[in-house]
Amino acid sequence: MKFRFLNKTIEHQRFQYNPMYYDERKERLEKKKEQYRKLEDESLSDEERKAYFKESIKKSWSGGEYRQAQKRSSNLRILLLIGLILALGYFVFNGVDEVDTVVKNLW
């Protein structure tokens, strides 16, 4: 009787994996080059021209809104931190006894 499973050594598995590199920036650049070439040759149909125009407007509008929202939230966070630091500094310089009176006046 053969007991191969008892004597079998474990070998590492080899995979035939070749990583592919995808450059999104390069793809967008190639697409824009093709669109500009078509614009110069005037080979774009009216529908393609409208689609190109809609896409460019959508990109400019969506990017601006996102950026503005991020700036707003960042500025708000900074203002809150500055306010917190100023309040802590006030209490450090004026003493902890003042905290009770200030809290009572605020509430």
N, C-alpha and C. Protein backbone atom coordinates (compact mmCIF):
# COMPACT_ATOMS: atom_id res chain seq x y z
N MET A 1 0.82 -1.17 0.00
CA MET A 1 0.00 0.00 0.00
C MET A 1 0.87 1.24 0.00
N LYS A 2 0.42 2.19 -0.74
CA LYS A 2 1.16 3.44 -0.78
C LYS A 2 0.40 4.49 0.02
N PHE A 3 1.15 5.14 0.90
CA PHE A 3 0.58 6.24 1.66
C PHE A 3 1.28 7.53 1.23
N ARG A 4 0.95 7.96 0.04
CA ARG A 4 1.59 9.15 -0.51
C ARG A 4 1.21 10.41 0.25
N PHE A 5 0.01 10.45 0.74
CA PHE A 5 -0.44 11.67 1.41
C PHE A 5 0.32 11.90 2.71
N LEU A 6 0.92 10.85 3.29
CA LEU A 6 1.72 11.03 4.50
C LEU A 6 3.12 11.54 4.19
N ASN A 7 3.62 11.20 3.05
CA ASN A 7 4.98 11.52 2.68
C ASN A 7 5.08 12.75 1.77
N LYS A 8 3.97 13.29 1.40
CA LYS A 8 3.97 14.38 0.44
C LYS A 8 4.47 15.68 1.08
N THR A 9 5.41 16.36 0.44
CA THR A 9 5.91 17.64 0.94
C THR A 9 5.07 18.77 0.35
N ILE A 10 4.92 19.78 1.12
CA ILE A 10 4.12 20.92 0.68
C ILE A 10 5.01 21.84 -0.15
N GLU A 11 4.54 22.15 -1.32
CA GLU A 11 5.25 23.05 -2.21
C GLU A 11 4.45 24.34 -2.34
N HIS A 12 5.15 25.43 -2.53
CA HIS A 12 4.45 26.69 -2.69
C HIS A 12 3.78 26.72 -4.07
N GLN A 13 2.66 27.40 -4.10
CA GLN A 13 1.92 27.48 -5.35
C GLN A 13 2.43 28.66 -6.17
N ARG A 14 2.46 28.45 -7.43
CA ARG A 14 2.90 29.51 -8.34
C ARG A 14 1.71 29.94 -9.18
N PHE A 15 1.57 31.23 -9.28
CA PHE A 15 0.48 31.78 -10.07
C PHE A 15 1.05 32.56 -11.24
N GLN A 16 0.37 32.52 -12.32
CA GLN A 16 0.77 33.28 -13.50
C GLN A 16 0.03 34.61 -13.48
N TYR A 17 0.48 35.50 -12.61
CA TYR A 17 -0.16 36.80 -12.48
C TYR A 17 0.76 37.87 -13.02
N ASN A 18 0.32 38.54 -14.04
CA ASN A 18 1.06 39.65 -14.61
C ASN A 18 0.27 40.93 -14.33
N PRO A 19 0.74 41.76 -13.42
CA PRO A 19 -0.02 42.97 -13.09
C PRO A 19 -0.11 43.92 -14.28
N MET A 20 -1.28 44.51 -14.43
CA MET A 20 -1.49 45.47 -15.51
C MET A 20 -1.50 46.86 -14.91
N TYR A 21 -0.90 47.81 -15.59
CA TYR A 21 -0.87 49.18 -15.11
C TYR A 21 -1.92 49.97 -15.86
N TYR A 22 -2.79 50.62 -15.11
CA TYR A 22 -3.84 51.43 -15.71
C TYR A 22 -3.61 52.87 -15.32
N ASP A 23 -3.45 53.71 -16.29
CA ASP A 23 -3.21 55.12 -16.05
C ASP A 23 -4.46 55.90 -16.47
N GLU A 24 -5.24 56.29 -15.48
CA GLU A 24 -6.49 56.99 -15.76
C GLU A 24 -6.23 58.35 -16.41
N ARG A 25 -5.18 59.00 -15.96
CA ARG A 25 -4.85 60.31 -16.53
C ARG A 25 -4.52 60.20 -18.02
N LYS A 26 -3.78 59.15 -18.35
CA LYS A 26 -3.41 58.94 -19.75
C LYS A 26 -4.66 58.66 -20.60
N GLU A 27 -5.59 57.88 -20.05
CA GLU A 27 -6.83 57.57 -20.77
C GLU A 27 -7.62 58.86 -21.04
N ARG A 28 -7.75 59.71 -20.01
CA ARG A 28 -8.48 60.97 -20.18
C ARG A 28 -7.79 61.85 -21.22
N LEU A 29 -6.44 61.88 -21.18
CA LEU A 29 -5.69 62.69 -22.12
C LEU A 29 -5.90 62.20 -23.55
N GLU A 30 -5.87 60.90 -23.74
CA GLU A 30 -6.10 60.34 -25.08
C GLU A 30 -7.52 60.66 -25.57
N LYS A 31 -8.48 60.58 -24.67
CA LYS A 31 -9.86 60.89 -25.04
C LYS A 31 -10.00 62.35 -25.45
N LYS A 32 -9.36 63.26 -24.69
CA LYS A 32 -9.43 64.68 -25.03
C LYS A 32 -8.73 64.97 -26.35
N LYS A 33 -7.58 64.32 -26.58
CA LYS A 33 -6.89 64.51 -27.85
C LYS A 33 -7.77 64.11 -29.02
N GLU A 34 -8.46 62.98 -28.86
CA GLU A 34 -9.35 62.51 -29.92
C GLU A 34 -10.49 63.50 -30.14
N GLN A 35 -11.05 64.03 -29.06
CA GLN A 35 -12.14 64.99 -29.20
C GLN A 35 -11.66 66.28 -29.87
N TYR A 36 -10.49 66.78 -29.48
CA TYR A 36 -9.97 67.99 -30.10
C TYR A 36 -9.62 67.77 -31.57
N ARG A 37 -9.12 66.58 -31.88
CA ARG A 37 -8.82 66.27 -33.29
C ARG A 37 -10.11 66.29 -34.10
N LYS A 38 -11.18 65.72 -33.53
CA LYS A 38 -12.45 65.72 -34.23
C LYS A 38 -13.03 67.14 -34.36
N LEU A 39 -12.82 67.97 -33.33
CA LEU A 39 -13.29 69.34 -33.40
C LEU A 39 -12.58 70.12 -34.51
N GLU A 40 -11.27 69.89 -34.64
CA GLU A 40 -10.52 70.58 -35.68
C GLU A 40 -10.91 70.11 -37.07
N ASP A 41 -11.16 68.81 -37.19
CA ASP A 41 -11.55 68.26 -38.48
C ASP A 41 -13.02 68.51 -38.80
N GLU A 42 -13.74 68.98 -37.81
CA GLU A 42 -15.18 69.21 -37.92
C GLU A 42 -15.92 67.93 -38.31
N SER A 43 -15.45 66.82 -37.76
CA SER A 43 -16.10 65.54 -38.04
C SER A 43 -17.04 65.12 -36.92
N LEU A 44 -17.25 66.00 -35.94
CA LEU A 44 -18.19 65.70 -34.86
C LEU A 44 -19.61 65.99 -35.30
N SER A 45 -20.49 65.10 -34.98
CA SER A 45 -21.89 65.35 -35.28
C SER A 45 -22.45 66.28 -34.20
N ASP A 46 -23.65 66.77 -34.43
CA ASP A 46 -24.25 67.68 -33.45
C ASP A 46 -24.48 66.98 -32.12
N GLU A 47 -24.86 65.72 -32.15
CA GLU A 47 -25.10 64.98 -30.92
C GLU A 47 -23.81 64.78 -30.13
N GLU A 48 -22.72 64.44 -30.82
CA GLU A 48 -21.43 64.27 -30.14
C GLU A 48 -20.95 65.59 -29.56
N ARG A 49 -21.17 66.67 -30.29
CA ARG A 49 -20.78 67.99 -29.83
C ARG A 49 -21.56 68.38 -28.57
N LYS A 50 -22.86 68.10 -28.55
CA LYS A 50 -23.68 68.39 -27.37
C LYS A 50 -23.24 67.54 -26.19
N ALA A 51 -22.95 66.26 -26.43
CA ALA A 51 -22.51 65.37 -25.36
C ALA A 51 -21.18 65.85 -24.78
N TYR A 52 -20.28 66.28 -25.65
CA TYR A 52 -18.98 66.79 -25.20
C TYR A 52 -19.17 68.04 -24.36
N PHE A 53 -20.03 68.94 -24.80
CA PHE A 53 -20.30 70.17 -24.08
C PHE A 53 -20.94 69.89 -22.72
N LYS A 54 -21.91 68.99 -22.66
CA LYS A 54 -22.56 68.63 -21.40
C LYS A 54 -21.57 68.02 -20.42
N GLU A 55 -20.71 67.15 -20.93
CA GLU A 55 -19.71 66.50 -20.07
C GLU A 55 -18.74 67.51 -19.48
N SER A 56 -18.30 68.46 -20.28
CA SER A 56 -17.34 69.46 -19.79
C SER A 56 -17.99 70.36 -18.74
N ILE A 57 -19.25 70.73 -18.94
CA ILE A 57 -19.95 71.56 -17.96
C ILE A 57 -20.17 70.79 -16.67
N LYS A 58 -20.57 69.53 -16.79
CA LYS A 58 -20.81 68.71 -15.59
C LYS A 58 -19.54 68.57 -14.77
N LYS A 59 -18.40 68.36 -15.42
CA LYS A 59 -17.14 68.21 -14.70
C LYS A 59 -16.76 69.49 -13.98
N SER A 60 -16.94 70.62 -14.65
CA SER A 60 -16.54 71.89 -14.02
C SER A 60 -17.46 72.23 -12.86
N TRP A 61 -18.72 71.98 -12.98
CA TRP A 61 -19.65 72.31 -11.91
C TRP A 61 -19.51 71.37 -10.72
N SER A 62 -19.40 70.09 -10.98
CA SER A 62 -19.33 69.13 -9.87
C SER A 62 -18.03 69.30 -9.08
N GLY A 63 -16.95 69.54 -9.74
CA GLY A 63 -15.67 69.71 -9.06
C GLY A 63 -15.66 70.95 -8.19
N GLY A 64 -16.28 72.03 -8.65
CA GLY A 64 -16.31 73.27 -7.89
C GLY A 64 -17.14 73.15 -6.63
N GLU A 65 -18.27 72.49 -6.71
CA GLU A 65 -19.13 72.33 -5.54
C GLU A 65 -18.43 71.50 -4.47
N TYR A 66 -17.80 70.45 -4.88
CA TYR A 66 -17.12 69.58 -3.92
C TYR A 66 -16.00 70.35 -3.23
N ARG A 67 -15.24 71.09 -4.00
CA ARG A 67 -14.14 71.86 -3.44
C ARG A 67 -14.64 72.91 -2.46
N GLN A 68 -15.74 73.59 -2.82
CA GLN A 68 -16.29 74.61 -1.93
C GLN A 68 -16.79 74.00 -0.63
N ALA A 69 -17.44 72.84 -0.72
CA ALA A 69 -17.93 72.18 0.49
C ALA A 69 -16.77 71.78 1.39
N GLN A 70 -15.70 71.30 0.80
CA GLN A 70 -14.53 70.91 1.59
C GLN A 70 -13.89 72.13 2.25
N LYS A 71 -13.82 73.23 1.53
CA LYS A 71 -13.24 74.44 2.10
C LYS A 71 -14.10 74.95 3.26
N ARG A 72 -15.43 74.92 3.08
CA ARG A 72 -16.33 75.38 4.12
C ARG A 72 -16.17 74.55 5.39
N SER A 73 -16.15 73.24 5.24
CA SER A 73 -16.02 72.39 6.43
C SER A 73 -14.66 72.57 7.08
N SER A 74 -13.63 72.75 6.28
CA SER A 74 -12.29 72.97 6.83
C SER A 74 -12.23 74.29 7.59
N ASN A 75 -12.80 75.33 7.02
CA ASN A 75 -12.80 76.64 7.69
C ASN A 75 -13.59 76.59 8.99
N LEU A 76 -14.71 75.90 8.99
CA LEU A 76 -15.52 75.78 10.20
C LEU A 76 -14.75 75.05 11.29
N ARG A 77 -14.07 73.98 10.92
CA ARG A 77 -13.27 73.22 11.87
C ARG A 77 -12.16 74.09 12.47
N ILE A 78 -11.51 74.86 11.62
CA ILE A 78 -10.44 75.74 12.10
C ILE A 78 -10.98 76.79 13.06
N LEU A 79 -12.13 77.39 12.74
CA LEU A 79 -12.72 78.39 13.63
C LEU A 79 -13.10 77.79 14.97
N LEU A 80 -13.65 76.58 14.96
CA LEU A 80 -13.99 75.93 16.21
C LEU A 80 -12.75 75.65 17.06
N LEU A 81 -11.69 75.19 16.43
CA LEU A 81 -10.45 74.93 17.16
C LEU A 81 -9.85 76.22 17.73
N ILE A 82 -9.89 77.29 16.96
CA ILE A 82 -9.36 78.57 17.45
C ILE A 82 -10.19 79.05 18.63
N GLY A 83 -11.52 78.91 18.53
CA GLY A 83 -12.37 79.31 19.65
C GLY A 83 -12.10 78.49 20.89
N LEU A 84 -11.91 77.19 20.72
CA LEU A 84 -11.61 76.32 21.85
C LEU A 84 -10.27 76.69 22.50
N ILE A 85 -9.29 76.96 21.68
CA ILE A 85 -7.96 77.34 22.20
C ILE A 85 -8.03 78.68 22.93
N LEU A 86 -8.79 79.62 22.37
CA LEU A 86 -8.94 80.91 23.04
C LEU A 86 -9.66 80.77 24.39
N ALA A 87 -10.70 79.93 24.43
CA ALA A 87 -11.43 79.72 25.68
C ALA A 87 -10.53 79.07 26.72
N LEU A 88 -9.77 78.06 26.31
CA LEU A 88 -8.85 77.41 27.24
C LEU A 88 -7.78 78.38 27.73
N GLY A 89 -7.27 79.21 26.83
CA GLY A 89 -6.28 80.20 27.23
C GLY A 89 -6.85 81.21 28.21
N TYR A 90 -8.09 81.62 27.99
CA TYR A 90 -8.74 82.56 28.92
C TYR A 90 -8.83 81.95 30.31
N PHE A 91 -9.26 80.69 30.38
CA PHE A 91 -9.40 80.05 31.68
C PHE A 91 -8.06 79.77 32.35
N VAL A 92 -7.04 79.52 31.57
CA VAL A 92 -5.71 79.28 32.14
C VAL A 92 -5.18 80.57 32.76
N PHE A 93 -5.34 81.69 32.05
CA PHE A 93 -4.79 82.95 32.55
C PHE A 93 -5.64 83.57 33.66
N ASN A 94 -6.94 83.37 33.64
CA ASN A 94 -7.81 83.99 34.65
C ASN A 94 -8.11 83.05 35.81
N GLY A 95 -7.69 81.84 35.74
CA GLY A 95 -7.90 80.90 36.84
C GLY A 95 -9.13 80.04 36.61
N VAL A 96 -9.13 78.93 37.29
CA VAL A 96 -10.21 77.96 37.14
C VAL A 96 -11.45 78.41 37.90
N ASP A 97 -11.32 79.28 38.87
CA ASP A 97 -12.46 79.75 39.64
C ASP A 97 -13.44 80.52 38.76
N GLU A 98 -12.94 81.15 37.71
CA GLU A 98 -13.79 81.91 36.80
C GLU A 98 -14.68 81.01 35.95
N VAL A 99 -14.34 79.75 35.84
CA VAL A 99 -15.08 78.82 34.97
C VAL A 99 -16.53 78.71 35.43
N ASP A 100 -16.77 78.59 36.73
CA ASP A 100 -18.13 78.44 37.24
C ASP A 100 -18.98 79.65 36.91
N THR A 101 -18.43 80.84 37.09
CA THR A 101 -19.22 82.05 36.82
C THR A 101 -19.52 82.20 35.32
N VAL A 102 -18.55 81.87 34.47
CA VAL A 102 -18.75 81.99 33.03
C VAL A 102 -19.77 80.96 32.55
N VAL A 103 -19.69 79.74 33.07
CA VAL A 103 -20.64 78.69 32.68
C VAL A 103 -22.04 79.06 33.13
N LYS A 104 -22.19 79.59 34.35
CA LYS A 104 -23.50 80.00 34.86
C LYS A 104 -24.08 81.13 34.02
N ASN A 105 -23.23 82.08 33.60
CA ASN A 105 -23.70 83.20 32.78
C ASN A 105 -24.12 82.73 31.39
N LEU A 106 -23.41 81.74 30.85
CA LEU A 106 -23.77 81.23 29.52
C LEU A 106 -25.07 80.44 29.53
N TRP A 107 -25.33 79.69 30.59
CA TRP A 107 -26.55 78.88 30.66
C TRP A 107 -27.66 79.70 31.21
